[in-house]
Amino acid sequence: MTEAQSFSSEFNAASFFIDRHLEAGRLDKIAYIDDDGRYSYGELAVRVNRAGNAFKQLGLLPEARIAMIMSDSIEFVAVFWGAIKAGFIPVPVNTLLTDAHYTYILGDSRAQVLVVSDSLYGAVEPALAEQRYLHHVIVAGGRSGQHQTLDELSAIASSQLDPSPSYADDVALWLYSSGSTGNPKGVKHLHNSLVCTAETYGQQVLGIRCDDIVYSAPKLFFAYGLGNSMTFPLSVGATTVLSSERPTPALVMAILQRDQATLYFGVPTLYAAILADEATGSAVGSSQLRLCISAGEALPEDVARRWEDRFDVPIIDGVGSTEMLHIFLSNRPDDVHYGTAGLPVPGYEAKLLDERGAAVKQGEIGELVVKGESSAEGYWHQRAKSRRTFVGEWTYTGDKYYQDDAGYYCFCGRTDDMFKSGGNWVSPFDVEAVLISHSKVLEAAVVGHPDAHGNIKPKAFVVLREIDDRSEALVQELQQHVQKHTERWKYPRWIEFRTELPKTATGKIQRFKLRQDS
């Protein structure tokens, strides 16, 4: 039972994550550090209240959607919690989408209000035409066009706000899935789910404390970053560092060193990029760093071990999803098994099923199905997809895993990415992990490709550390490298060198695009 459930039936998540700190005496403690300044928990509470009252002044009805296309900043935090506290539903949106996607999401969500950072307004403006439901566009951080600004609205709004009489099982926010193979899906999450992930993964796995300084390279607009930079630190009164800039290796290392972060959240591609970046080769990062976390894609064992060798800090790899709000399988700080996703987070259950829905035997590959209190209520007006994904208490992830001899979960690939070669399953991740362990390889992606006879065989797309290393001799060397370190039939029959791999904004490789290209 979460803390939210132990309270009276009325429960507003903003009371737990924002107001509670004032009663606990954290008025002057620093809550956030962003590109423009430092903000105490007392200042944050005032900004939240003013943002919530600003929305109420617009005459919105309860549960109206407020779309957020915003850079990571104190304004994002204030708008998000202000909306929830006032009884509205924030909808954080990926800041790297096309205007076609913005047009779709604004229309699909029926958002009545859009809050957009001034630096992003130019990319969003084409999507504003002919929006049937959008009545207000508010610009944060400056002025663009003739729209109202968040500063102006907040300045005339009261700094006092009673929380809306919401309930633990009311919808608190929407998040749009990555939509890598179609239009994004609106995922509806509850007030109680925000507390659930903070109390399970945040506190029981990470052991996050009030004296932690948190930095997450993944942004606030998607589930992983939202937990990292908001619900987890706010659940215990920690300090969080935000940056609106793209998280390059140089920026990440500079922030870690400047703010002496104790917890760092990244994604596998960024960990690998930092290790490969000569410019950061002598960077020391934070001397206070006690734990690193990875999610978004499975973490290659070679990358994890090289990171720990260099920084003397382990990376705990975990698995989460937009549908489950955050991580539900994870390694532990005192139980790190590189090459695996660890075990279920406290409060969650997992099982692996075959195509008929029966449990597979240990060591066999099956689809990962998970149960936990943070599961979404469903997709917004996509009933068929909701019924396939949310089945009773269980959520179907679409990921293939197996359990090793010790019971740890090992990633094989997305259901759509797995393929059979010669009657045997090929896990793209297995082959990619071997390729990445070669000293000349930075990134790799593997897909199924038909040979001259129509038989499916592995094909690899490889990004090298040095572009000048491309050669037919290296192709043969990489093929032999794979044959040496995994089952021979998994080796890629073709290797194509690329300067980059297609990825989603969250760093996931889009293998379907590579299948289309090949």
Protein backbone atom coordinates (compact mmCIF):
# COMPACT_ATOMS: atom_id res chain seq x y z
CA MET A 1 0.00 0.00 0.00
CA THR A 2 1.44 3.38 -0.99
CA GLU A 3 1.38 6.46 1.19
CA ALA A 4 -1.26 7.95 -1.10
CA GLN A 5 -3.58 5.01 -0.47
CA SER A 6 -3.10 5.23 3.30
CA PHE A 7 -4.46 8.80 3.34
CA SER A 8 -8.12 9.75 3.21
CA SER A 9 -9.91 9.12 -0.08
CA GLU A 10 -9.18 12.65 -1.28
CA PHE A 11 -5.59 12.94 -2.48
CA ASN A 12 -3.82 15.46 -4.71
CA ALA A 13 -0.28 14.46 -5.66
CA ALA A 14 0.90 18.09 -5.52
CA SER A 15 0.20 18.14 -1.78
CA PHE A 16 2.58 15.22 -1.32
CA PHE A 17 5.36 16.37 -3.64
CA ILE A 18 5.23 20.15 -3.03
CA ASP A 19 3.29 21.32 0.02
CA ARG A 20 4.55 18.64 2.39
CA HIS A 21 8.08 20.11 2.36
CA LEU A 22 6.91 23.40 3.82
CA GLU A 23 5.47 21.57 6.80
CA ALA A 24 8.69 19.56 7.10
CA GLY A 25 10.80 22.71 7.48
CA ARG A 26 12.47 22.69 4.04
CA LEU A 27 11.36 26.23 3.16
CA ASP A 28 14.93 27.40 2.46
CA LYS A 29 16.42 24.16 1.13
CA ILE A 30 17.38 24.25 -2.55
CA ALA A 31 14.94 22.21 -4.62
CA TYR A 32 16.15 23.03 -8.15
CA ILE A 33 19.13 24.43 -9.99
CA ASP A 34 18.51 25.34 -13.63
CA ASP A 35 20.28 27.38 -16.30
CA ASP A 36 19.10 30.63 -14.74
CA GLY A 37 19.32 30.15 -10.99
CA ARG A 38 18.69 28.24 -7.77
CA TYR A 39 15.25 27.85 -6.19
CA SER A 40 14.27 26.81 -2.69
CA TYR A 41 11.34 24.59 -1.80
CA GLY A 42 9.57 27.71 -0.54
CA GLU A 43 10.10 29.52 -3.85
CA LEU A 44 8.99 26.43 -5.76
CA ALA A 45 5.73 26.25 -3.79
CA VAL A 46 4.96 29.88 -4.61
CA ARG A 47 5.64 29.32 -8.32
CA VAL A 48 3.43 26.23 -8.31
CA ASN A 49 0.58 28.12 -6.64
CA ARG A 50 0.85 31.07 -9.00
CA ALA A 51 0.89 28.79 -12.06
CA GLY A 52 -2.16 26.88 -10.80
CA ASN A 53 -4.06 30.08 -10.12
CA ALA A 54 -3.08 31.46 -13.52
CA PHE A 55 -4.73 28.46 -15.15
CA LYS A 56 -7.83 28.86 -12.99
CA GLN A 57 -8.11 32.48 -14.12
CA LEU A 58 -8.51 31.23 -17.69
CA GLY A 59 -11.86 29.73 -16.74
CA LEU A 60 -10.88 26.11 -17.38
CA LEU A 61 -13.14 23.31 -16.22
CA PRO A 62 -11.72 20.54 -13.97
CA GLU A 63 -9.55 17.97 -15.77
CA ALA A 64 -8.90 20.24 -18.75
CA ARG A 65 -5.72 19.20 -20.52
CA ILE A 66 -2.74 21.58 -20.51
CA ALA A 67 -0.13 20.64 -23.13
CA MET A 68 3.48 21.40 -22.21
CA ILE A 69 6.15 21.77 -24.89
CA MET A 70 8.83 23.07 -22.58
CA SER A 71 12.55 22.89 -21.96
CA ASP A 72 13.76 21.53 -18.63
CA SER A 73 13.57 24.47 -16.23
CA ILE A 74 11.90 25.70 -13.06
CA GLU A 75 8.98 26.86 -15.27
CA PHE A 76 8.34 23.26 -16.37
CA VAL A 77 8.20 22.09 -12.75
CA ALA A 78 5.88 24.94 -11.72
CA VAL A 79 3.49 24.42 -14.64
CA PHE A 80 3.33 20.65 -14.14
CA TRP A 81 2.55 20.72 -10.42
CA GLY A 82 0.50 23.91 -10.65
CA ALA A 83 -1.81 22.22 -13.15
CA ILE A 84 -2.19 19.12 -10.98
CA LYS A 85 -2.76 21.11 -7.80
CA ALA A 86 -5.46 23.21 -9.50
CA GLY A 87 -7.27 20.10 -10.77
CA PHE A 88 -6.10 20.14 -14.40
CA ILE A 89 -4.14 17.54 -16.36
CA PRO A 90 -0.65 18.40 -17.62
CA VAL A 91 0.45 16.71 -20.85
CA PRO A 92 4.25 16.97 -21.23
CA VAL A 93 5.23 16.62 -24.88
CA ASN A 94 8.51 15.63 -26.51
CA THR A 95 10.41 18.80 -27.50
CA LEU A 96 12.08 17.15 -30.53
CA LEU A 97 9.04 16.26 -32.61
CA THR A 98 7.97 17.49 -36.04
CA ASP A 99 5.18 20.00 -36.55
CA ALA A 100 3.04 17.14 -37.89
CA HIS A 101 3.39 15.31 -34.57
CA TYR A 102 2.64 18.49 -32.61
CA THR A 103 -0.46 19.04 -34.73
CA TYR A 104 -1.59 15.49 -34.00
CA ILE A 105 -0.95 15.56 -30.24
CA LEU A 106 -2.59 18.95 -29.69
CA GLY A 107 -5.67 17.76 -31.54
CA ASP A 108 -5.71 14.26 -30.10
CA SER A 109 -5.37 15.44 -26.48
CA ARG A 110 -7.94 18.20 -27.01
CA ALA A 111 -5.69 20.44 -24.97
CA GLN A 112 -7.33 23.77 -24.20
CA VAL A 113 -4.05 25.37 -23.13
CA LEU A 114 -0.53 25.09 -24.50
CA VAL A 115 2.47 26.30 -22.52
CA VAL A 116 5.52 26.50 -24.79
CA SER A 117 9.07 27.67 -24.08
CA ASP A 118 10.00 30.74 -26.10
CA SER A 119 13.02 28.90 -27.55
CA LEU A 120 10.71 26.18 -28.93
CA TYR A 121 7.93 28.41 -30.21
CA GLY A 122 9.24 28.58 -33.78
CA ALA A 123 9.13 24.80 -34.12
CA VAL A 124 5.63 24.62 -32.64
CA GLU A 125 3.97 27.61 -34.36
CA PRO A 126 3.02 25.76 -37.59
CA ALA A 127 1.01 23.28 -35.51
CA LEU A 128 -1.15 25.99 -33.94
CA ALA A 129 -3.28 26.69 -36.99
CA GLU A 130 -6.80 25.25 -37.08
CA GLN A 131 -6.65 23.66 -33.63
CA ARG A 132 -10.30 23.09 -32.67
CA TYR A 133 -9.85 22.86 -28.90
CA LEU A 134 -6.84 25.07 -28.17
CA HIS A 135 -7.99 28.38 -26.66
CA HIS A 136 -4.84 29.70 -24.97
CA VAL A 137 -1.15 29.70 -25.92
CA ILE A 138 1.17 30.77 -23.09
CA VAL A 139 4.86 31.42 -23.68
CA ALA A 140 7.37 30.60 -20.93
CA GLY A 141 10.79 32.20 -20.58
CA GLY A 142 10.17 35.18 -22.85
CA ARG A 143 7.77 36.49 -25.47
CA SER A 144 6.87 35.08 -28.89
CA GLY A 145 4.20 36.59 -31.09
CA GLN A 146 1.18 38.18 -29.41
CA HIS A 147 0.61 35.40 -26.90
CA GLN A 148 0.36 35.78 -23.15
CA THR A 149 3.48 34.98 -21.16
CA LEU A 150 3.73 32.76 -18.12
CA ASP A 151 5.52 35.52 -16.22
CA GLU A 152 2.69 38.01 -16.84
CA LEU A 153 -0.05 35.58 -15.84
CA SER A 154 1.84 34.40 -12.75
CA ALA A 155 2.61 37.94 -11.60
CA ILE A 156 -1.07 38.76 -11.16
CA ALA A 157 -2.02 35.35 -9.73
CA SER A 158 -2.31 34.66 -6.01
CA SER A 159 0.54 32.85 -4.25
CA GLN A 160 -2.00 30.89 -2.18
CA LEU A 161 -3.77 27.86 -3.64
CA ASP A 162 -5.76 25.11 -1.97
CA PRO A 163 -5.32 21.75 -3.70
CA SER A 164 -8.19 20.63 -5.88
CA PRO A 165 -10.23 17.86 -4.20
CA SER A 166 -8.81 15.11 -6.38
CA TYR A 167 -8.69 11.42 -5.56
CA ALA A 168 -5.84 8.91 -5.61
CA ASP A 169 -7.40 7.11 -8.57
CA ASP A 170 -8.13 10.27 -10.57
CA VAL A 171 -6.08 10.83 -13.72
CA ALA A 172 -3.26 13.26 -12.88
CA LEU A 173 -1.27 13.49 -16.13
CA TRP A 174 -0.93 12.17 -19.64
CA LEU A 175 2.29 11.12 -21.33
CA TYR A 176 2.53 10.38 -25.04
CA SER A 177 4.39 7.23 -25.99
CA SER A 178 7.32 7.55 -28.39
CA GLY A 179 5.25 6.52 -31.39
CA SER A 180 8.26 5.07 -33.20
CA THR A 181 6.03 3.04 -35.54
CA GLY A 182 3.00 5.33 -35.78
CA ASN A 183 1.26 8.22 -34.09
CA PRO A 184 2.04 8.58 -30.38
CA LYS A 185 -0.50 7.17 -27.92
CA GLY A 186 -1.82 9.20 -24.99
CA VAL A 187 -1.10 7.26 -21.77
CA LYS A 188 -3.23 8.23 -18.75
CA HIS A 189 -1.65 8.05 -15.27
CA LEU A 190 -3.12 8.49 -11.80
CA HIS A 191 -2.21 10.66 -8.81
CA ASN A 192 -1.32 7.55 -6.83
CA SER A 193 1.03 6.24 -9.54
CA LEU A 194 3.36 9.21 -9.08
CA VAL A 195 3.76 8.35 -5.41
CA CYS A 196 4.02 4.62 -6.13
CA THR A 197 7.10 4.85 -8.37
CA ALA A 198 8.80 7.24 -5.95
CA GLU A 199 8.27 4.95 -2.98
CA THR A 200 9.17 1.71 -4.77
CA TYR A 201 11.99 2.31 -7.25
CA GLY A 202 13.05 5.75 -6.01
CA GLN A 203 13.32 4.94 -2.32
CA GLN A 204 13.55 1.14 -2.08
CA VAL A 205 15.94 0.56 -5.02
CA LEU A 206 17.89 3.81 -5.38
CA GLY A 207 17.72 4.68 -1.71
CA ILE A 208 17.34 8.34 -2.67
CA ARG A 209 17.92 10.70 0.29
CA CYS A 210 17.22 14.34 1.11
CA ASP A 211 20.94 15.15 0.85
CA ASP A 212 21.22 13.80 -2.72
CA ILE A 213 21.94 16.05 -5.69
CA VAL A 214 20.29 14.56 -8.76
CA TYR A 215 21.12 15.10 -12.42
CA SER A 216 19.22 13.36 -15.21
CA ALA A 217 20.37 13.72 -18.82
CA PRO A 218 17.01 12.32 -20.05
CA LYS A 219 14.51 15.17 -20.12
CA LEU A 220 11.35 15.78 -18.12
CA PHE A 221 8.99 15.31 -21.04
CA PHE A 222 9.04 11.52 -20.88
CA ALA A 223 8.45 9.05 -18.09
CA TYR A 224 12.07 8.17 -17.25
CA GLY A 225 13.16 11.79 -16.88
CA LEU A 226 9.98 12.84 -15.07
CA GLY A 227 10.64 10.34 -12.29
CA ASN A 228 14.37 11.08 -12.16
CA SER A 229 14.06 14.87 -11.94
CA MET A 230 10.71 15.35 -10.24
CA THR A 231 8.93 12.64 -8.33
CA PHE A 232 11.98 10.85 -6.89
CA PRO A 233 13.86 13.89 -5.54
CA LEU A 234 10.66 15.68 -4.52
CA SER A 235 9.52 12.62 -2.57
CA VAL A 236 12.41 13.05 -0.12
CA GLY A 237 13.35 16.73 -0.39
CA ALA A 238 16.51 16.31 -2.49
CA THR A 239 18.07 18.84 -4.88
CA THR A 240 17.78 18.46 -8.66
CA VAL A 241 19.83 19.97 -11.49
CA LEU A 242 18.04 20.83 -14.74
CA SER A 243 19.48 21.91 -18.09
CA SER A 244 17.62 23.01 -21.21
CA GLU A 245 20.57 22.12 -23.43
CA ARG A 246 21.11 18.89 -25.36
CA PRO A 247 23.06 16.47 -23.11
CA THR A 248 26.36 16.12 -24.96
CA PRO A 249 29.24 14.26 -23.29
CA ALA A 250 30.96 17.56 -22.53
CA LEU A 251 27.84 19.10 -20.98
CA VAL A 252 27.09 16.04 -18.84
CA MET A 253 30.61 15.92 -17.45
CA ALA A 254 30.62 19.68 -16.81
CA ILE A 255 27.33 19.54 -14.88
CA LEU A 256 28.44 16.55 -12.84
CA GLN A 257 31.62 18.37 -11.88
CA ARG A 258 30.04 21.80 -11.31
CA ASP A 259 27.17 20.61 -9.11
CA GLN A 260 28.83 17.53 -7.60
CA ALA A 261 25.83 15.31 -8.30
CA THR A 262 25.43 12.18 -6.21
CA LEU A 263 22.95 10.42 -8.54
CA TYR A 264 23.29 10.48 -12.34
CA PHE A 265 20.66 9.11 -14.73
CA GLY A 266 21.62 8.39 -18.34
CA VAL A 267 20.94 6.15 -21.32
CA PRO A 268 23.29 3.53 -22.82
CA THR A 269 24.17 5.56 -25.92
CA LEU A 270 25.21 8.53 -23.78
CA TYR A 271 27.32 6.40 -21.43
CA ALA A 272 29.08 4.96 -24.50
CA ALA A 273 29.51 8.40 -26.06
CA ILE A 274 31.12 9.81 -22.90
CA LEU A 275 33.56 6.90 -22.78
CA ALA A 276 34.42 7.39 -26.46
CA ASP A 277 34.72 11.19 -26.39
CA GLU A 278 38.38 12.20 -26.36
CA ALA A 279 37.46 15.70 -25.17
CA THR A 280 36.09 14.27 -21.93
CA GLY A 281 38.82 11.67 -21.52
CA SER A 282 40.42 13.48 -18.59
CA ALA A 283 37.19 14.76 -17.05
CA VAL A 284 36.63 13.53 -13.50
CA GLY A 285 32.93 14.32 -13.14
CA SER A 286 31.63 14.42 -9.58
CA SER A 287 33.73 13.24 -6.64
CA GLN A 288 30.44 12.78 -4.72
CA LEU A 289 28.84 10.47 -7.31
CA ARG A 290 27.58 7.35 -5.53
CA LEU A 291 25.39 5.72 -8.16
CA CYS A 292 24.61 5.85 -11.89
CA ILE A 293 21.40 4.61 -13.46
CA SER A 294 20.59 3.51 -17.00
CA ALA A 295 17.32 2.79 -18.81
CA GLY A 296 15.69 3.40 -22.18
CA GLU A 297 17.58 0.55 -23.87
CA ALA A 298 19.43 -2.43 -22.44
CA LEU A 299 22.90 -1.50 -21.19
CA PRO A 300 25.71 -3.43 -22.92
CA GLU A 301 27.90 -5.21 -20.39
CA ASP A 302 31.10 -3.90 -21.99
CA VAL A 303 29.95 -0.27 -21.64
CA ALA A 304 28.95 -0.81 -18.00
CA ARG A 305 32.26 -2.39 -17.02
CA ARG A 306 34.34 0.27 -18.77
CA TRP A 307 32.33 3.00 -17.04
CA GLU A 308 32.83 1.47 -13.61
CA ASP A 309 36.54 0.95 -14.31
CA ARG A 310 36.95 4.62 -15.21
CA PHE A 311 34.76 6.31 -12.58
CA ASP A 312 34.69 3.66 -9.84
CA VAL A 313 30.89 3.97 -9.68
CA PRO A 314 28.51 1.20 -10.81
CA ILE A 315 25.64 1.63 -13.25
CA ILE A 316 22.42 -0.11 -12.31
CA ASP A 317 20.45 -1.01 -15.42
CA GLY A 318 16.67 -1.08 -15.29
CA VAL A 319 13.60 -1.56 -17.47
CA GLY A 320 10.61 0.75 -17.53
CA SER A 321 7.97 2.00 -19.92
CA THR A 322 5.61 4.90 -20.45
CA GLU A 323 2.77 2.51 -19.68
CA MET A 324 4.23 1.65 -16.26
CA LEU A 325 5.42 5.24 -15.61
CA HIS A 326 8.95 4.21 -14.58
CA ILE A 327 11.30 1.30 -13.90
CA PHE A 328 9.85 -2.03 -12.76
CA LEU A 329 12.83 -4.38 -13.30
CA SER A 330 16.21 -3.35 -11.98
CA ASN A 331 19.61 -4.27 -10.70
CA ARG A 332 20.36 -3.09 -7.16
CA PRO A 333 23.25 -0.96 -5.89
CA ASP A 334 24.47 -3.96 -3.86
CA ASP A 335 23.51 -6.56 -6.46
CA VAL A 336 24.73 -5.54 -9.92
CA HIS A 337 24.66 -8.20 -12.62
CA TYR A 338 25.89 -6.54 -15.80
CA GLY A 339 24.24 -7.87 -18.93
CA THR A 340 20.91 -8.35 -17.13
CA ALA A 341 17.96 -6.15 -16.19
CA GLY A 342 17.99 -7.50 -12.66
CA LEU A 343 14.86 -8.48 -10.75
CA PRO A 344 11.38 -6.99 -10.19
CA VAL A 345 11.28 -3.78 -8.18
CA PRO A 346 9.49 -4.14 -4.80
CA GLY A 347 5.76 -3.95 -5.39
CA TYR A 348 5.96 -5.38 -8.93
CA GLU A 349 5.61 -8.86 -10.37
CA ALA A 350 6.84 -10.11 -13.75
CA LYS A 351 6.39 -13.21 -15.87
CA LEU A 352 7.40 -14.40 -19.34
CA LEU A 353 4.77 -15.81 -21.70
CA ASP A 354 4.89 -17.63 -25.02
CA GLU A 355 2.71 -16.88 -28.06
CA ARG A 356 -0.15 -18.91 -26.54
CA GLY A 357 -0.06 -17.03 -23.23
CA ALA A 358 1.56 -19.90 -21.28
CA ALA A 359 4.52 -19.32 -18.96
CA VAL A 360 7.86 -20.29 -20.51
CA LYS A 361 10.48 -22.39 -18.74
CA GLN A 362 13.51 -20.77 -17.16
CA GLY A 363 16.04 -20.01 -19.88
CA GLU A 364 13.40 -19.82 -22.62
CA ILE A 365 12.47 -16.58 -24.38
CA GLY A 366 9.04 -15.07 -23.72
CA GLU A 367 7.20 -11.76 -23.75
CA LEU A 368 7.64 -9.77 -20.56
CA VAL A 369 4.36 -9.10 -18.72
CA VAL A 370 4.36 -6.99 -15.57
CA LYS A 371 1.98 -6.11 -12.71
CA GLY A 372 2.21 -3.10 -10.42
CA GLU A 373 0.26 -0.18 -8.98
CA SER A 374 1.78 2.35 -11.42
CA SER A 375 0.22 0.75 -14.49
CA ALA A 376 -1.60 3.29 -16.65
CA GLU A 377 -5.36 3.52 -16.76
CA GLY A 378 -5.15 2.97 -20.51
CA TYR A 379 -4.60 4.75 -23.80
CA TRP A 380 -6.71 7.77 -24.66
CA HIS A 381 -9.54 6.69 -27.02
CA GLN A 382 -7.63 3.67 -28.37
CA ARG A 383 -9.71 0.88 -26.89
CA ALA A 384 -8.37 -1.97 -29.02
CA LYS A 385 -4.74 -1.17 -28.16
CA SER A 386 -5.67 -0.69 -24.50
CA ARG A 387 -7.28 -4.12 -24.36
CA ARG A 388 -4.23 -5.78 -25.92
CA THR A 389 -1.77 -4.02 -23.58
CA PHE A 390 -3.63 -3.78 -20.27
CA VAL A 391 -5.10 -7.20 -19.51
CA GLY A 392 -6.58 -7.30 -16.03
CA GLU A 393 -3.78 -6.45 -13.59
CA TRP A 394 -1.08 -7.25 -16.14
CA THR A 395 0.60 -5.00 -18.69
CA TYR A 396 2.09 -6.53 -21.85
CA THR A 397 5.37 -4.79 -22.64
CA GLY A 398 6.11 -6.10 -26.13
CA ASP A 399 9.68 -6.95 -25.01
CA LYS A 400 11.30 -10.38 -25.22
CA TYR A 401 13.33 -11.65 -22.24
CA TYR A 402 14.60 -14.83 -20.68
CA GLN A 403 15.65 -15.59 -17.11
CA ASP A 404 19.18 -16.84 -16.54
CA ASP A 405 20.10 -19.63 -14.13
CA ALA A 406 19.99 -17.21 -11.19
CA GLY A 407 16.60 -15.81 -12.16
CA TYR A 408 17.81 -12.45 -13.49
CA TYR A 409 15.96 -11.07 -16.51
CA CYS A 410 17.98 -10.79 -19.73
CA PHE A 411 16.84 -8.61 -22.61
CA CYS A 412 16.52 -10.09 -26.10
CA GLY A 413 14.73 -7.36 -28.04
CA ARG A 414 11.39 -5.91 -28.93
CA THR A 415 8.92 -8.49 -30.16
CA ASP A 416 8.99 -6.79 -33.57
CA ASP A 417 12.82 -6.80 -33.63
CA MET A 418 13.35 -10.50 -32.86
CA PHE A 419 13.74 -12.87 -35.79
CA LYS A 420 14.60 -16.49 -36.50
CA SER A 421 17.62 -17.51 -38.53
CA GLY A 422 17.96 -21.18 -39.43
CA GLY A 423 15.12 -21.97 -37.03
CA ASN A 424 16.85 -20.29 -34.06
CA TRP A 425 15.82 -17.05 -32.37
CA VAL A 426 18.27 -14.18 -32.85
CA SER A 427 18.33 -11.45 -30.22
CA PRO A 428 19.59 -8.25 -31.88
CA PHE A 429 20.84 -7.06 -28.52
CA ASP A 430 23.08 -10.11 -28.05
CA VAL A 431 24.85 -9.54 -31.36
CA GLU A 432 25.04 -5.78 -30.84
CA ALA A 433 26.63 -6.25 -27.41
CA VAL A 434 29.41 -8.39 -28.93
CA LEU A 435 30.01 -5.89 -31.74
CA ILE A 436 30.21 -3.00 -29.26
CA SER A 437 32.84 -4.88 -27.27
CA HIS A 438 35.21 -4.52 -30.26
CA SER A 439 37.62 -1.64 -29.71
CA LYS A 440 36.78 0.06 -33.02
CA VAL A 441 32.98 0.00 -32.66
CA LEU A 442 30.98 2.81 -31.03
CA GLU A 443 27.41 1.71 -31.79
CA ALA A 444 25.70 -1.17 -33.56
CA ALA A 445 22.21 -2.27 -34.58
CA VAL A 446 21.19 -5.67 -35.94
CA VAL A 447 18.13 -6.58 -38.02
CA GLY A 448 16.91 -9.58 -40.00
CA HIS A 449 17.64 -9.43 -43.73
CA PRO A 450 16.79 -11.93 -46.51
CA ASP A 451 19.62 -13.60 -48.40
CA ALA A 452 19.51 -14.54 -52.09
CA HIS A 453 17.26 -17.50 -51.27
CA GLY A 454 14.85 -15.53 -49.07
CA ASN A 455 16.22 -16.92 -45.80
CA ILE A 456 16.46 -14.39 -42.95
CA LYS A 457 19.98 -13.76 -41.64
CA PRO A 458 21.50 -11.10 -39.33
CA LYS A 459 22.62 -7.81 -40.84
CA ALA A 460 24.55 -5.25 -38.79
CA PHE A 461 24.73 -1.48 -39.07
CA VAL A 462 27.88 -0.23 -37.35
CA VAL A 463 29.10 3.21 -36.26
CA LEU A 464 32.86 3.25 -35.82
CA ARG A 465 34.86 5.33 -33.39
CA GLU A 466 37.05 6.43 -36.32
CA ILE A 467 35.39 6.73 -39.72
CA ASP A 468 38.69 6.10 -41.52
CA ASP A 469 38.76 2.52 -40.15
CA ARG A 470 36.13 1.41 -42.66
CA SER A 471 37.40 -1.48 -44.77
CA GLU A 472 36.45 -4.92 -46.03
CA ALA A 473 39.14 -6.33 -43.78
CA LEU A 474 37.37 -4.80 -40.74
CA VAL A 475 34.08 -6.34 -41.90
CA GLN A 476 35.67 -9.79 -41.80
CA GLU A 477 37.33 -9.01 -38.48
CA LEU A 478 34.00 -8.02 -36.91
CA GLN A 479 32.27 -11.11 -38.27
CA GLN A 480 35.00 -13.31 -36.76
CA HIS A 481 34.74 -11.37 -33.51
CA VAL A 482 31.03 -12.21 -33.24
CA GLN A 483 31.60 -15.88 -34.14
CA LYS A 484 34.22 -16.11 -31.41
CA HIS A 485 32.07 -14.63 -28.63
CA THR A 486 28.57 -15.99 -29.32
CA GLU A 487 26.82 -18.77 -31.24
CA ARG A 488 28.28 -18.93 -34.72
CA TRP A 489 24.93 -18.74 -36.51
CA LYS A 490 24.30 -15.29 -35.00
CA TYR A 491 27.15 -13.57 -36.82
CA PRO A 492 26.07 -10.81 -39.27
CA ARG A 493 26.30 -11.92 -42.90
CA TRP A 494 26.38 -8.28 -43.93
CA ILE A 495 27.89 -5.26 -42.17
CA GLU A 496 27.07 -1.73 -43.30
CA PHE A 497 29.00 1.19 -41.85
CA ARG A 498 27.00 4.28 -40.87
CA THR A 499 27.92 7.65 -39.38
CA GLU A 500 24.87 7.48 -37.08
CA LEU A 501 21.90 5.26 -36.26
CA PRO A 502 18.25 6.40 -36.31
CA LYS A 503 16.96 6.92 -32.77
CA THR A 504 13.92 8.18 -30.93
CA ALA A 505 14.25 11.29 -28.77
CA THR A 506 14.75 9.00 -25.78
CA GLY A 507 17.78 7.31 -27.35
CA LYS A 508 16.16 4.07 -28.51
CA ILE A 509 17.46 2.70 -31.79
CA GLN A 510 14.72 2.62 -34.45
CA ARG A 511 15.49 -0.76 -35.99
CA PHE A 512 12.34 -0.66 -38.10
CA LYS A 513 13.90 2.18 -40.12
CA LEU A 514 17.01 0.10 -40.69
CA ARG A 515 14.84 -2.80 -41.85
CA GLN A 516 13.18 -0.46 -44.32
CA ASP A 517 16.58 0.81 -45.55
CA SER A 518 17.98 -2.68 -46.01
